[in-house]
Amino acid sequence: MTARDDGCLRHGDARETHPRDGAHLGHDQTVAMLTDLRRTLLARFGTSDERRLDSSLRGARRVVVPVRFHVVHSGRQGRLSSTAVRRQISTLNAAYGGRRGGVDTRVRFRLAGHDRTNESAWFHHPRRYEGAMKRHLRKGGRGTLNIFTAAVGTEVLGFATFPQHYKRKPRMDGVIIDYRSLPGGPYKRFNRGYTAVHEIGHWLGLLHTFEDGCLPPGDGVDDTPYEAAPAEGCPHFRDTCPQRGDDPVHNFMDYAHDPCMREFTAGQGRRIRASWAAYRSR
């Protein structure tokens, strides 16, 4: 799940099925993004304290995210069924609702429509044709989640944009995932639909739990312990940093195999809701 550079636009990551290359956001961009969030919250709500903001917005209804699902395929290859799309939406709601473990983030996803596009070049080379694909297919505004499925690759399973980037590059907003990573797909160890859960975490404002390793500010969330490196495979226990707390190896924003992912934290829930209020609710 490494950050990818696309000209001016930095992607959330690309979840990998093989050993990582370490090209995540980097310290300077992490600090810049967290600083931008604090400044935006302060300007809009008079506070950058996410706990205080969460309390003031507590009476509001849960965040319901409309989803536009774009199945890009090449003939029969990658032509996902409506059932597969609905199962992925159900998986998102279970994960973000805390039904796999962890907390209820108070985020839900509602399928607003899905379509299929038979375009071989887009399907086989979604990175190369990302701009054209999104310009033709993307629907809705800053609060609409556009998911695109294609053959992302054998090493990289998906990538996403951050909410901070919407204002500058609105047409590039969205999440692209490998069609084989959906629930029941052929990618063993990565076929429970958690690639989408992870990538959408970036779209909602979350960083990797291992961001910047043991170096502050990490991912900027106070209840995800520092982690020196991504989790590999299915570890049950690690403690790789001198700061307090065991590595969050089962967190959806780490790199473990799908069967070992199961939770978001309360702090991540607050970060999602703060990022939504700052960037996507307007």
Protein backbone atom coordinates (compact mmCIF):
# COMPACT_ATOMS: atom_id res chain seq x y z
CA MET A 1 0.00 0.00 0.00
CA THR A 2 2.55 2.50 -1.06
CA ALA A 3 1.92 6.09 -2.00
CA ARG A 4 2.13 6.76 -5.68
CA ASP A 5 3.06 10.03 -7.35
CA ASP A 6 0.88 11.13 -10.26
CA GLY A 7 2.26 14.50 -11.27
CA CYS A 8 0.78 16.98 -8.83
CA LEU A 9 -1.50 14.40 -7.25
CA ARG A 10 -0.34 12.02 -4.57
CA HIS A 11 -2.33 8.83 -4.22
CA GLY A 12 -3.29 7.27 -0.94
CA ASP A 13 -1.46 4.08 -1.65
CA ALA A 14 -1.31 0.90 -3.62
CA ARG A 15 -1.94 -2.20 -1.55
CA GLU A 16 0.65 -4.78 -2.49
CA THR A 17 0.56 -8.56 -2.55
CA HIS A 18 4.36 -8.90 -2.40
CA PRO A 19 7.06 -7.27 -0.23
CA ARG A 20 6.67 -3.51 -0.11
CA ASP A 21 8.95 -0.96 -1.75
CA GLY A 22 8.61 1.51 1.11
CA ALA A 23 7.46 4.42 -1.07
CA HIS A 24 4.80 5.70 1.29
CA LEU A 25 3.89 9.36 1.81
CA GLY A 26 7.04 10.50 3.55
CA HIS A 27 7.41 12.71 6.60
CA ASP A 28 7.00 16.11 4.95
CA GLN A 29 3.80 15.25 3.12
CA THR A 30 2.34 13.54 6.17
CA VAL A 31 2.95 16.64 8.28
CA ALA A 32 1.56 18.89 5.53
CA MET A 33 -1.65 16.87 5.24
CA LEU A 34 -2.24 16.76 9.00
CA THR A 35 -1.52 20.48 9.27
CA ASP A 36 -3.97 21.24 6.48
CA LEU A 37 -6.66 19.25 8.27
CA ARG A 38 -6.12 21.13 11.52
CA ARG A 39 -6.19 24.50 9.77
CA THR A 40 -9.34 23.63 7.84
CA LEU A 41 -11.15 22.44 10.97
CA LEU A 42 -10.13 25.55 12.88
CA ALA A 43 -11.35 27.83 10.10
CA ARG A 44 -14.68 26.04 9.69
CA PHE A 45 -15.54 25.02 13.25
CA GLY A 46 -13.36 27.12 15.53
CA THR A 47 -11.50 24.08 16.84
CA SER A 48 -9.04 21.52 15.53
CA ASP A 49 -9.62 19.21 18.51
CA GLU A 50 -11.24 16.14 16.98
CA ARG A 51 -12.75 14.97 20.28
CA ARG A 52 -14.39 18.34 20.86
CA LEU A 53 -15.57 18.50 17.26
CA ASP A 54 -16.98 15.00 17.52
CA SER A 55 -18.93 15.95 20.64
CA SER A 56 -20.37 19.03 18.95
CA LEU A 57 -21.45 16.96 15.94
CA ARG A 58 -22.63 14.01 18.03
CA GLY A 59 -26.28 14.84 17.47
CA ALA A 60 -25.86 14.66 13.71
CA ARG A 61 -26.90 11.53 11.89
CA ARG A 62 -24.26 9.03 10.83
CA VAL A 63 -22.35 9.76 7.65
CA VAL A 64 -24.00 8.02 4.71
CA VAL A 65 -21.73 7.89 1.67
CA PRO A 66 -23.36 7.48 -1.76
CA VAL A 67 -21.32 5.09 -3.91
CA ARG A 68 -21.01 5.05 -7.67
CA PHE A 69 -19.49 1.73 -8.68
CA HIS A 70 -17.82 1.53 -12.09
CA VAL A 71 -16.95 -1.95 -13.38
CA VAL A 72 -14.35 -1.61 -16.12
CA HIS A 73 -13.81 -4.84 -18.02
CA SER A 74 -12.34 -6.36 -21.17
CA GLY A 75 -14.97 -8.58 -22.69
CA ARG A 76 -15.84 -11.16 -20.05
CA GLN A 77 -12.67 -10.55 -18.08
CA GLY A 78 -13.41 -8.42 -15.03
CA ARG A 79 -17.12 -8.13 -15.83
CA LEU A 80 -18.38 -8.27 -12.26
CA SER A 81 -21.96 -9.20 -11.50
CA SER A 82 -24.41 -6.99 -9.64
CA THR A 83 -24.25 -9.51 -6.81
CA ALA A 84 -20.48 -9.03 -6.50
CA VAL A 85 -20.95 -5.27 -6.31
CA ARG A 86 -23.60 -5.58 -3.60
CA ARG A 87 -21.41 -7.98 -1.60
CA GLN A 88 -18.60 -5.44 -1.64
CA ILE A 89 -20.94 -2.73 -0.34
CA SER A 90 -22.09 -5.10 2.43
CA THR A 91 -18.46 -5.76 3.34
CA LEU A 92 -17.79 -2.03 3.60
CA ASN A 93 -20.75 -1.55 5.92
CA ALA A 94 -19.70 -4.48 8.10
CA ALA A 95 -16.11 -3.24 8.40
CA TYR A 96 -16.93 0.41 9.04
CA GLY A 97 -19.80 -0.58 11.31
CA GLY A 98 -17.52 -2.55 13.64
CA ARG A 99 -19.14 -5.89 12.88
CA ARG A 100 -15.75 -7.54 12.26
CA GLY A 101 -14.20 -6.06 15.40
CA GLY A 102 -13.08 -2.67 16.62
CA VAL A 103 -15.45 0.30 16.73
CA ASP A 104 -18.40 1.53 14.73
CA THR A 105 -17.02 4.50 12.79
CA ARG A 106 -20.60 5.73 12.18
CA VAL A 107 -19.99 5.62 8.43
CA ARG A 108 -22.28 3.73 6.10
CA PHE A 109 -22.23 3.21 2.34
CA ARG A 110 -25.25 3.31 0.03
CA LEU A 111 -25.04 2.09 -3.55
CA ALA A 112 -26.30 4.97 -5.68
CA GLY A 113 -25.69 3.23 -8.97
CA HIS A 114 -23.29 1.03 -10.88
CA ASP A 115 -22.31 0.67 -14.50
CA ARG A 116 -20.11 -1.45 -16.73
CA THR A 117 -17.67 -0.22 -19.36
CA ASN A 118 -16.04 -2.56 -21.86
CA GLU A 119 -12.72 -0.80 -22.46
CA SER A 120 -9.69 -3.06 -22.72
CA ALA A 121 -7.01 -0.35 -22.39
CA TRP A 122 -8.57 1.11 -19.24
CA PHE A 123 -9.04 -2.35 -17.79
CA HIS A 124 -5.49 -3.57 -18.32
CA HIS A 125 -3.73 -0.25 -17.63
CA PRO A 126 -5.81 1.70 -15.10
CA ARG A 127 -2.82 3.74 -13.93
CA ARG A 128 -1.90 4.85 -17.42
CA TYR A 129 -5.47 5.74 -18.37
CA GLU A 130 -6.68 6.86 -14.96
CA GLY A 131 -7.41 10.43 -16.06
CA ALA A 132 -9.42 9.45 -19.12
CA MET A 133 -11.31 6.75 -17.24
CA LYS A 134 -12.29 9.05 -14.41
CA ARG A 135 -13.22 11.94 -16.70
CA HIS A 136 -15.63 9.70 -18.60
CA LEU A 137 -17.12 7.73 -15.72
CA ARG A 138 -16.89 9.70 -12.48
CA LYS A 139 -20.19 11.03 -11.10
CA GLY A 140 -21.18 13.26 -8.20
CA GLY A 141 -19.35 15.78 -6.06
CA ARG A 142 -16.90 15.76 -3.17
CA GLY A 143 -19.10 13.56 -1.00
CA THR A 144 -19.73 10.85 -3.61
CA LEU A 145 -17.44 7.84 -3.50
CA ASN A 146 -16.52 6.59 -6.96
CA ILE A 147 -15.11 3.06 -6.99
CA PHE A 148 -13.51 1.72 -10.17
CA THR A 149 -12.57 -1.93 -10.65
CA ALA A 150 -9.96 -3.06 -13.17
CA ALA A 151 -6.88 -5.29 -13.47
CA VAL A 152 -4.68 -3.14 -11.26
CA GLY A 153 -1.87 -5.70 -11.16
CA THR A 154 -0.36 -8.75 -9.53
CA GLU A 155 1.65 -6.75 -6.99
CA VAL A 156 -0.54 -3.69 -6.48
CA LEU A 157 -4.19 -4.16 -5.51
CA GLY A 158 -5.49 -0.61 -5.42
CA PHE A 159 -4.93 3.09 -4.91
CA ALA A 160 -6.95 6.07 -3.73
CA THR A 161 -6.97 9.85 -3.47
CA PHE A 162 -7.06 11.76 -0.19
CA PRO A 163 -9.83 14.25 0.67
CA GLN A 164 -7.26 17.07 0.88
CA HIS A 165 -6.72 16.74 -2.87
CA TYR A 166 -10.31 17.13 -4.02
CA LYS A 167 -10.26 20.93 -4.31
CA ARG A 168 -7.21 20.86 -6.56
CA LYS A 169 -8.06 17.77 -8.64
CA PRO A 170 -11.80 17.04 -8.35
CA ARG A 171 -11.99 14.90 -11.48
CA MET A 172 -9.29 12.58 -10.16
CA ASP A 173 -11.14 11.84 -6.91
CA GLY A 174 -11.93 8.21 -6.21
CA VAL A 175 -10.69 4.71 -5.50
CA ILE A 176 -9.42 2.09 -7.95
CA ILE A 177 -9.21 -1.54 -6.84
CA ASP A 178 -8.35 -4.81 -8.50
CA TYR A 179 -11.49 -6.70 -9.45
CA ARG A 180 -9.96 -9.93 -8.11
CA SER A 181 -9.86 -8.54 -4.56
CA LEU A 182 -13.64 -8.35 -4.11
CA PRO A 183 -15.33 -10.84 -1.74
CA GLY A 184 -14.93 -14.34 -3.14
CA GLY A 185 -12.45 -13.23 -5.80
CA PRO A 186 -9.52 -15.34 -7.03
CA TYR A 187 -6.80 -13.50 -5.09
CA LYS A 188 -6.09 -15.89 -2.25
CA ARG A 189 -5.39 -14.07 1.05
CA PHE A 190 -6.76 -10.84 -0.46
CA ASN A 191 -10.31 -11.78 -1.45
CA ARG A 192 -12.52 -10.68 1.43
CA GLY A 193 -13.11 -7.21 0.04
CA TYR A 194 -10.74 -5.51 2.46
CA THR A 195 -8.65 -3.88 -0.26
CA ALA A 196 -11.64 -1.60 -0.84
CA VAL A 197 -12.03 -1.10 2.92
CA HIS A 198 -8.38 -0.04 3.15
CA GLU A 199 -8.36 2.22 0.10
CA ILE A 200 -11.60 3.91 1.11
CA GLY A 201 -9.96 4.58 4.47
CA HIS A 202 -7.52 6.80 2.58
CA TRP A 203 -10.37 8.44 0.65
CA LEU A 204 -11.92 9.23 4.05
CA GLY A 205 -8.69 10.71 5.41
CA LEU A 206 -6.82 7.86 7.12
CA LEU A 207 -3.10 7.21 6.71
CA HIS A 208 -1.27 3.91 7.13
CA THR A 209 -0.79 2.79 10.71
CA PHE A 210 2.92 2.42 9.91
CA GLU A 211 3.22 5.90 8.36
CA ASP A 212 6.72 7.25 9.07
CA GLY A 213 7.55 4.21 11.21
CA CYS A 214 8.44 5.15 14.80
CA LEU A 215 8.83 8.83 13.89
CA PRO A 216 6.16 11.26 15.12
CA PRO A 217 3.51 12.11 14.11
CA GLY A 218 3.00 8.65 12.59
CA ASP A 219 -0.52 8.51 11.22
CA GLY A 220 -1.59 11.33 13.54
CA VAL A 221 -4.17 9.17 15.34
CA ASP A 222 -3.60 8.87 19.09
CA ASP A 223 -4.86 5.31 19.62
CA THR A 224 -3.01 3.54 16.79
CA PRO A 225 0.42 2.69 18.25
CA TYR A 226 3.54 3.49 16.27
CA GLU A 227 4.72 0.71 13.96
CA ALA A 228 8.19 0.48 12.43
CA ALA A 229 7.12 -1.35 9.27
CA PRO A 230 4.01 -2.80 7.62
CA ALA A 231 2.59 -6.05 8.92
CA GLU A 232 3.39 -8.99 6.66
CA GLY A 233 1.18 -12.03 6.32
CA CYS A 234 -0.80 -12.75 9.47
CA PRO A 235 1.16 -11.78 12.60
CA HIS A 236 -0.54 -12.13 15.96
CA PHE A 237 1.80 -9.94 17.99
CA ARG A 238 4.51 -7.38 17.28
CA ASP A 239 5.97 -4.42 19.14
CA THR A 240 8.46 -2.70 16.86
CA CYS A 241 8.64 0.85 18.27
CA PRO A 242 9.77 2.17 21.67
CA GLN A 243 6.54 4.11 22.15
CA ARG A 244 3.76 2.56 24.18
CA GLY A 245 1.51 -0.07 22.63
CA ASP A 246 1.73 -3.18 20.47
CA ASP A 247 1.67 -2.85 16.70
CA PRO A 248 -1.88 -2.54 15.29
CA VAL A 249 -1.37 -5.54 13.01
CA HIS A 250 -5.10 -6.27 12.68
CA ASN A 251 -6.03 -2.73 11.67
CA PHE A 252 -7.61 -2.20 8.27
CA MET A 253 -4.99 0.47 7.53
CA ASP A 254 -2.06 -1.93 7.89
CA TYR A 255 -0.85 -4.50 5.32
CA ALA A 256 -1.87 -7.87 6.79
CA HIS A 257 -3.65 -10.49 4.72
CA ASP A 258 -7.43 -10.09 4.58
CA PRO A 259 -8.20 -12.90 7.10
CA CYS A 260 -6.14 -11.00 9.70
CA MET A 261 -7.71 -7.57 9.18
CA ARG A 262 -10.66 -6.74 11.38
CA GLU A 263 -10.77 -3.30 12.99
CA PHE A 264 -10.73 0.45 13.07
CA THR A 265 -10.07 2.34 16.30
CA ALA A 266 -12.14 5.04 17.99
CA GLY A 267 -9.48 7.59 17.03
CA GLN A 268 -9.66 6.54 13.40
CA GLY A 269 -13.43 6.96 13.54
CA ARG A 270 -12.98 10.50 14.84
CA ARG A 271 -10.40 11.22 12.14
CA ILE A 272 -12.78 10.00 9.44
CA ARG A 273 -15.63 12.15 10.75
CA ALA A 274 -13.36 15.18 11.13
CA SER A 275 -12.02 14.76 7.60
CA TRP A 276 -15.54 14.36 6.28
CA ALA A 277 -16.64 17.55 8.01
CA ALA A 278 -13.58 19.41 6.75
CA TYR A 279 -13.46 18.27 3.14
CA ARG A 280 -16.41 16.22 1.95
CA SER A 281 -19.58 17.51 3.62
CA ARG A 282 -19.57 20.90 1.92
